[in-house]
Amino acid sequence: MKEHIMELLEMLIFAGVCAIIAVTVKAKKESILALTQNYIKKAEIAVQGSNMGAEKKKLVCTWLEAAGVKVNTWLSTAIDKIVKKLNESEAWALTEAGEKNE
């Protein structure tokens, strides 16, 4: 009986550790995505002109790497998704351009 209780306690501790790790990873990803979105908006202002998406993405990746964030496949895909979402709301670029002129 004592062994079963110890096993149960070990499993509960392991589950707790896994939950803490999951929450930490999620928070880290959310902060990286927020930073990425901020850099995307800044790149939109810094690089003017149409068909400059690749140049803007390169700039965002450079800024992320300088901030200590490795741009892997997951993040590269996330950048594309963020840009797509922002482009679907078209007005975001006009808002950013207006902030630049103020």
C-alpha atoms as a PDB file:
ATOM      1  CA  MET A   1       0.000   0.000   0.000  1.00  0.00           C
ATOM      2  CA  LYS A   2       2.817   2.370   0.903  1.00  0.00           C
ATOM      3  CA  GLU A   3       4.485   1.667  -2.462  1.00  0.00           C
ATOM      4  CA  HIS A   4       1.279   2.580  -4.329  1.00  0.00           C
ATOM      5  CA  ILE A   5       1.022   5.859  -2.464  1.00  0.00           C
ATOM      6  CA  MET A   6       4.649   6.652  -3.283  1.00  0.00           C
ATOM      7  CA  GLU A   7       4.055   5.835  -6.955  1.00  0.00           C
ATOM      8  CA  LEU A   8       0.976   8.052  -6.965  1.00  0.00           C
ATOM      9  CA  LEU A   9       2.921  10.909  -5.364  1.00  0.00           C
ATOM     10  CA  GLU A  10       5.718  10.514  -7.908  1.00  0.00           C
ATOM     11  CA  MET A  11       3.202  10.654 -10.757  1.00  0.00           C
ATOM     12  CA  LEU A  12       1.550  13.749  -9.278  1.00  0.00           C
ATOM     13  CA  ILE A  13       4.901  15.483  -8.900  1.00  0.00           C
ATOM     14  CA  PHE A  14       5.827  14.558 -12.472  1.00  0.00           C
ATOM     15  CA  ALA A  15       2.471  15.867 -13.744  1.00  0.00           C
ATOM     16  CA  GLY A  16       2.999  19.109 -11.827  1.00  0.00           C
ATOM     17  CA  VAL A  17       6.457  19.589 -13.286  1.00  0.00           C
ATOM     18  CA  CYS A  18       5.109  18.922 -16.787  1.00  0.00           C
ATOM     19  CA  ALA A  19       2.333  21.475 -16.231  1.00  0.00           C
ATOM     20  CA  ILE A  20       4.834  24.105 -15.097  1.00  0.00           C
ATOM     21  CA  ILE A  21       7.018  23.450 -18.127  1.00  0.00           C
ATOM     22  CA  ALA A  22       3.987  23.680 -20.451  1.00  0.00           C
ATOM     23  CA  VAL A  23       2.908  27.010 -18.965  1.00  0.00           C
ATOM     24  CA  THR A  24       6.439  28.382 -19.210  1.00  0.00           C
ATOM     25  CA  VAL A  25       6.816  27.314 -22.851  1.00  0.00           C
ATOM     26  CA  LYS A  26       3.430  28.797 -23.737  1.00  0.00           C
ATOM     27  CA  ALA A  27       4.310  32.115 -22.087  1.00  0.00           C
ATOM     28  CA  LYS A  28       7.671  32.196 -23.878  1.00  0.00           C
ATOM     29  CA  LYS A  29       6.013  31.528 -27.243  1.00  0.00           C
ATOM     30  CA  GLU A  30       3.441  34.259 -26.601  1.00  0.00           C
ATOM     31  CA  SER A  31       6.153  36.788 -25.762  1.00  0.00           C
ATOM     32  CA  ILE A  32       8.119  35.821 -28.893  1.00  0.00           C
ATOM     33  CA  LEU A  33       4.994  36.210 -31.035  1.00  0.00           C
ATOM     34  CA  ALA A  34       4.265  39.636 -29.514  1.00  0.00           C
ATOM     35  CA  LEU A  35       7.841  40.756 -30.191  1.00  0.00           C
ATOM     36  CA  THR A  36       7.593  39.369 -33.722  1.00  0.00           C
ATOM     37  CA  GLN A  37       4.373  41.254 -34.425  1.00  0.00           C
ATOM     38  CA  ASN A  38       5.976  44.445 -33.141  1.00  0.00           C
ATOM     39  CA  TYR A  39       8.974  43.932 -35.449  1.00  0.00           C
ATOM     40  CA  ILE A  40       6.695  43.178 -38.404  1.00  0.00           C
ATOM     41  CA  LYS A  41       4.923  46.494 -37.912  1.00  0.00           C
ATOM     42  CA  LYS A  42       8.246  48.324 -37.620  1.00  0.00           C
ATOM     43  CA  ALA A  43       9.544  46.631 -40.777  1.00  0.00           C
ATOM     44  CA  GLU A  44       6.444  47.783 -42.622  1.00  0.00           C
ATOM     45  CA  ILE A  45       7.474  51.363 -41.855  1.00  0.00           C
ATOM     46  CA  ALA A  46      11.210  50.850 -42.361  1.00  0.00           C
ATOM     47  CA  VAL A  47      10.949  49.167 -45.768  1.00  0.00           C
ATOM     48  CA  GLN A  48       8.705  51.071 -48.152  1.00  0.00           C
ATOM     49  CA  GLY A  49       7.421  49.857 -51.491  1.00  0.00           C
ATOM     50  CA  SER A  50       5.344  47.056 -52.893  1.00  0.00           C
ATOM     51  CA  ASN A  51       6.628  43.517 -53.345  1.00  0.00           C
ATOM     52  CA  MET A  52       9.139  44.024 -50.533  1.00  0.00           C
ATOM     53  CA  GLY A  53       7.809  41.187 -48.358  1.00  0.00           C
ATOM     54  CA  ALA A  54      11.005  39.139 -48.520  1.00  0.00           C
ATOM     55  CA  GLU A  55      13.115  42.147 -47.555  1.00  0.00           C
ATOM     56  CA  LYS A  56      10.760  42.974 -44.659  1.00  0.00           C
ATOM     57  CA  LYS A  57      10.840  39.372 -43.420  1.00  0.00           C
ATOM     58  CA  LYS A  58      14.632  39.351 -43.613  1.00  0.00           C
ATOM     59  CA  LEU A  59      14.715  42.525 -41.501  1.00  0.00           C
ATOM     60  CA  VAL A  60      12.302  41.033 -38.942  1.00  0.00           C
ATOM     61  CA  CYS A  61      14.435  37.885 -38.731  1.00  0.00           C
ATOM     62  CA  THR A  62      17.575  39.979 -38.275  1.00  0.00           C
ATOM     63  CA  TRP A  63      15.966  41.932 -35.439  1.00  0.00           C
ATOM     64  CA  LEU A  64      14.736  38.732 -33.798  1.00  0.00           C
ATOM     65  CA  GLU A  65      18.171  37.123 -34.017  1.00  0.00           C
ATOM     66  CA  ALA A  66      19.711  40.299 -32.530  1.00  0.00           C
ATOM     67  CA  ALA A  67      17.230  39.987 -29.655  1.00  0.00           C
ATOM     68  CA  GLY A  68      18.446  36.435 -29.048  1.00  0.00           C
ATOM     69  CA  VAL A  69      15.499  34.659 -30.672  1.00  0.00           C
ATOM     70  CA  LYS A  70      16.399  31.858 -33.072  1.00  0.00           C
ATOM     71  CA  VAL A  71      14.237  31.975 -36.185  1.00  0.00           C
ATOM     72  CA  ASN A  72      13.348  28.355 -36.808  1.00  0.00           C
ATOM     73  CA  THR A  73      10.681  26.799 -39.030  1.00  0.00           C
ATOM     74  CA  TRP A  74       7.967  27.357 -36.416  1.00  0.00           C
ATOM     75  CA  LEU A  75       8.770  31.060 -36.102  1.00  0.00           C
ATOM     76  CA  SER A  76       9.194  31.558 -39.840  1.00  0.00           C
ATOM     77  CA  THR A  77       5.738  30.072 -40.379  1.00  0.00           C
ATOM     78  CA  ALA A  78       4.357  32.222 -37.557  1.00  0.00           C
ATOM     79  CA  ILE A  79       5.780  35.349 -39.236  1.00  0.00           C
ATOM     80  CA  ASP A  80       3.997  34.427 -42.463  1.00  0.00           C
ATOM     81  CA  LYS A  81       0.722  33.833 -40.594  1.00  0.00           C
ATOM     82  CA  ILE A  82       0.964  37.142 -38.711  1.00  0.00           C
ATOM     83  CA  VAL A  83       1.659  39.037 -41.934  1.00  0.00           C
ATOM     84  CA  LYS A  84      -1.251  37.302 -43.663  1.00  0.00           C
ATOM     85  CA  LYS A  85      -3.591  38.184 -40.803  1.00  0.00           C
ATOM     86  CA  LEU A  86      -2.417  41.793 -40.773  1.00  0.00           C
ATOM     87  CA  ASN A  87      -2.738  42.046 -44.560  1.00  0.00           C
ATOM     88  CA  GLU A  88      -6.298  40.779 -44.339  1.00  0.00           C
ATOM     89  CA  SER A  89      -7.102  43.767 -42.147  1.00  0.00           C
ATOM     90  CA  GLU A  90      -5.376  46.112 -44.635  1.00  0.00           C
ATOM     91  CA  ALA A  91      -5.947  49.199 -42.461  1.00  0.00           C
ATOM     92  CA  TRP A  92      -3.110  48.219 -40.102  1.00  0.00           C
ATOM     93  CA  ALA A  93      -0.486  49.480 -42.551  1.00  0.00           C
ATOM     94  CA  LEU A  94      -2.265  52.806 -42.905  1.00  0.00           C
ATOM     95  CA  THR A  95      -2.456  53.155 -39.125  1.00  0.00           C
ATOM     96  CA  GLU A  96       1.263  52.458 -38.792  1.00  0.00           C
ATOM     97  CA  ALA A  97       2.093  54.938 -41.572  1.00  0.00           C
ATOM     98  CA  GLY A  98      -0.008  57.570 -39.810  1.00  0.00           C
ATOM     99  CA  GLU A  99       1.884  56.989 -36.559  1.00  0.00           C
ATOM    100  CA  LYS A 100       5.159  57.474 -38.411  1.00  0.00           C
ATOM    101  CA  ASN A 101       4.072  60.853 -39.776  1.00  0.00           C
ATOM    102  CA  GLU A 102       3.018  62.192 -36.361  1.00  0.00           C
END
